[in-house]
Amino acid sequence: MSNQDRHGSSPPSKFTSLYLENLDPQVSDEALIQMFSGFGKIIRSIRAKDFRGESRGFAFIEFESSDSAEQAFEHMNGRLIGFNDKNHDPNGVCLKQDRI
């Protein structure tokens, strides 16, 4: 008997938080909130910074609802955010569902 049979099937977990990586260091906290607030109410946004206060290139965004997080994931995954430097060959921002 499988573990799932013993405990019953459970619906997949719904996440309200997204992990963003490959962010342009020049993107501000305010710009992130503005870009993602169209998908729903943002509970909190955390952009990782080093000891000098400079961006480490990743952030977390937590939405009020899992539907908002899913919609943001579908529309923003792989999009370029920032990167005005012509010498830089960026990949799009990578989003992952995560827990804060």
Protein backbone atom coordinates (compact mmCIF):
# COMPACT_ATOMS: atom_id res chain seq x y z
CA MET A 1 0.00 0.00 0.00
CA SER A 2 1.45 3.35 -0.99
CA ASN A 3 1.82 6.29 1.38
CA GLN A 4 -0.78 8.19 -0.65
CA ASP A 5 -3.29 5.32 -0.27
CA ARG A 6 -2.77 5.26 3.51
CA HIS A 7 -3.19 8.98 3.99
CA GLY A 8 -5.62 9.76 1.18
CA SER A 9 -4.87 11.96 -1.74
CA SER A 10 -4.37 15.57 -0.94
CA PRO A 11 -4.67 18.50 -3.30
CA PRO A 12 -1.43 20.14 -4.41
CA SER A 13 -0.13 22.85 -2.12
CA LYS A 14 -1.04 26.38 -3.09
CA PHE A 15 1.71 28.91 -2.63
CA THR A 16 1.28 32.65 -2.21
CA SER A 17 5.00 33.51 -2.39
CA LEU A 18 7.30 33.74 -5.38
CA TYR A 19 11.08 33.61 -5.44
CA LEU A 20 12.57 35.84 -8.16
CA GLU A 21 16.12 35.28 -9.31
CA ASN A 22 18.32 36.84 -11.98
CA LEU A 23 17.13 40.36 -11.13
CA ASP A 24 18.96 43.39 -12.45
CA PRO A 25 20.68 44.98 -9.42
CA GLN A 26 19.31 48.39 -10.48
CA VAL A 27 15.67 47.31 -10.02
CA SER A 28 14.26 49.04 -6.93
CA ASP A 29 11.85 47.72 -4.32
CA GLU A 30 9.25 50.19 -5.56
CA ALA A 31 9.67 49.02 -9.19
CA LEU A 32 9.13 45.38 -8.17
CA ILE A 33 5.97 46.24 -6.27
CA GLN A 34 4.69 48.30 -9.18
CA MET A 35 5.39 45.49 -11.69
CA PHE A 36 3.71 42.78 -9.62
CA SER A 37 0.85 44.66 -7.91
CA GLY A 38 -1.31 44.35 -11.02
CA PHE A 39 -1.71 40.63 -10.27
CA GLY A 40 -3.16 41.13 -6.79
CA LYS A 41 -2.53 42.50 -3.33
CA ILE A 42 1.09 42.14 -2.23
CA ILE A 43 1.54 41.31 1.45
CA ARG A 44 5.31 41.86 1.41
CA SER A 45 8.23 42.18 -0.94
CA ILE A 46 11.79 41.41 0.12
CA ARG A 47 14.74 42.18 -2.17
CA ALA A 48 17.94 40.59 -0.86
CA LYS A 49 20.79 43.01 -0.22
CA ASP A 50 24.39 42.56 0.85
CA PHE A 51 26.09 44.30 3.79
CA ARG A 52 26.59 47.44 1.65
CA GLY A 53 22.87 47.60 0.84
CA GLU A 54 23.39 46.52 -2.78
CA SER A 55 21.09 44.04 -4.48
CA ARG A 56 22.09 40.38 -4.45
CA GLY A 57 19.96 39.71 -7.57
CA PHE A 58 16.98 37.95 -6.00
CA ALA A 59 13.78 38.74 -4.16
CA PHE A 60 10.64 37.27 -2.63
CA ILE A 61 7.13 38.54 -3.25
CA GLU A 62 4.21 37.33 -1.14
CA PHE A 63 0.66 37.78 -2.42
CA GLU A 64 -2.57 37.73 -0.45
CA SER A 65 -3.95 34.88 -2.59
CA SER A 66 -2.49 31.88 -4.38
CA ASP A 67 -4.44 32.85 -7.52
CA SER A 68 -2.55 36.15 -7.65
CA ALA A 69 0.79 34.38 -7.20
CA GLU A 70 -0.08 31.88 -9.93
CA GLN A 71 -1.13 34.64 -12.33
CA ALA A 72 2.09 36.59 -11.66
CA PHE A 73 4.12 33.42 -12.19
CA GLU A 74 2.45 32.70 -15.53
CA HIS A 75 2.83 36.25 -16.86
CA MET A 76 6.23 37.29 -15.50
CA ASN A 77 8.37 34.13 -15.59
CA GLY A 78 11.15 34.62 -18.14
CA ARG A 79 10.55 38.35 -18.65
CA LEU A 80 13.41 40.82 -18.54
CA ILE A 81 13.19 43.26 -15.66
CA GLY A 82 15.71 46.06 -15.98
CA PHE A 83 19.03 45.30 -17.71
CA ASN A 84 19.71 48.51 -19.63
CA ASP A 85 23.40 47.59 -20.06
CA LYS A 86 23.97 46.70 -23.72
CA ASN A 87 27.10 44.68 -22.83
CA HIS A 88 25.11 42.39 -20.55
CA ASP A 89 23.49 39.30 -22.03
CA PRO A 90 20.70 38.68 -19.51
CA ASN A 91 18.39 35.78 -19.12
CA GLY A 92 14.84 36.57 -18.10
CA VAL A 93 13.88 36.68 -14.48
CA CYS A 94 13.21 33.20 -13.14
CA LEU A 95 10.25 32.75 -10.81
CA LYS A 96 9.68 29.84 -8.45
CA GLN A 97 6.88 29.20 -6.05
CA ASP A 98 8.25 29.38 -2.56
CA ARG A 99 7.44 29.90 1.09
CA ILE A 100 8.78 32.88 2.98
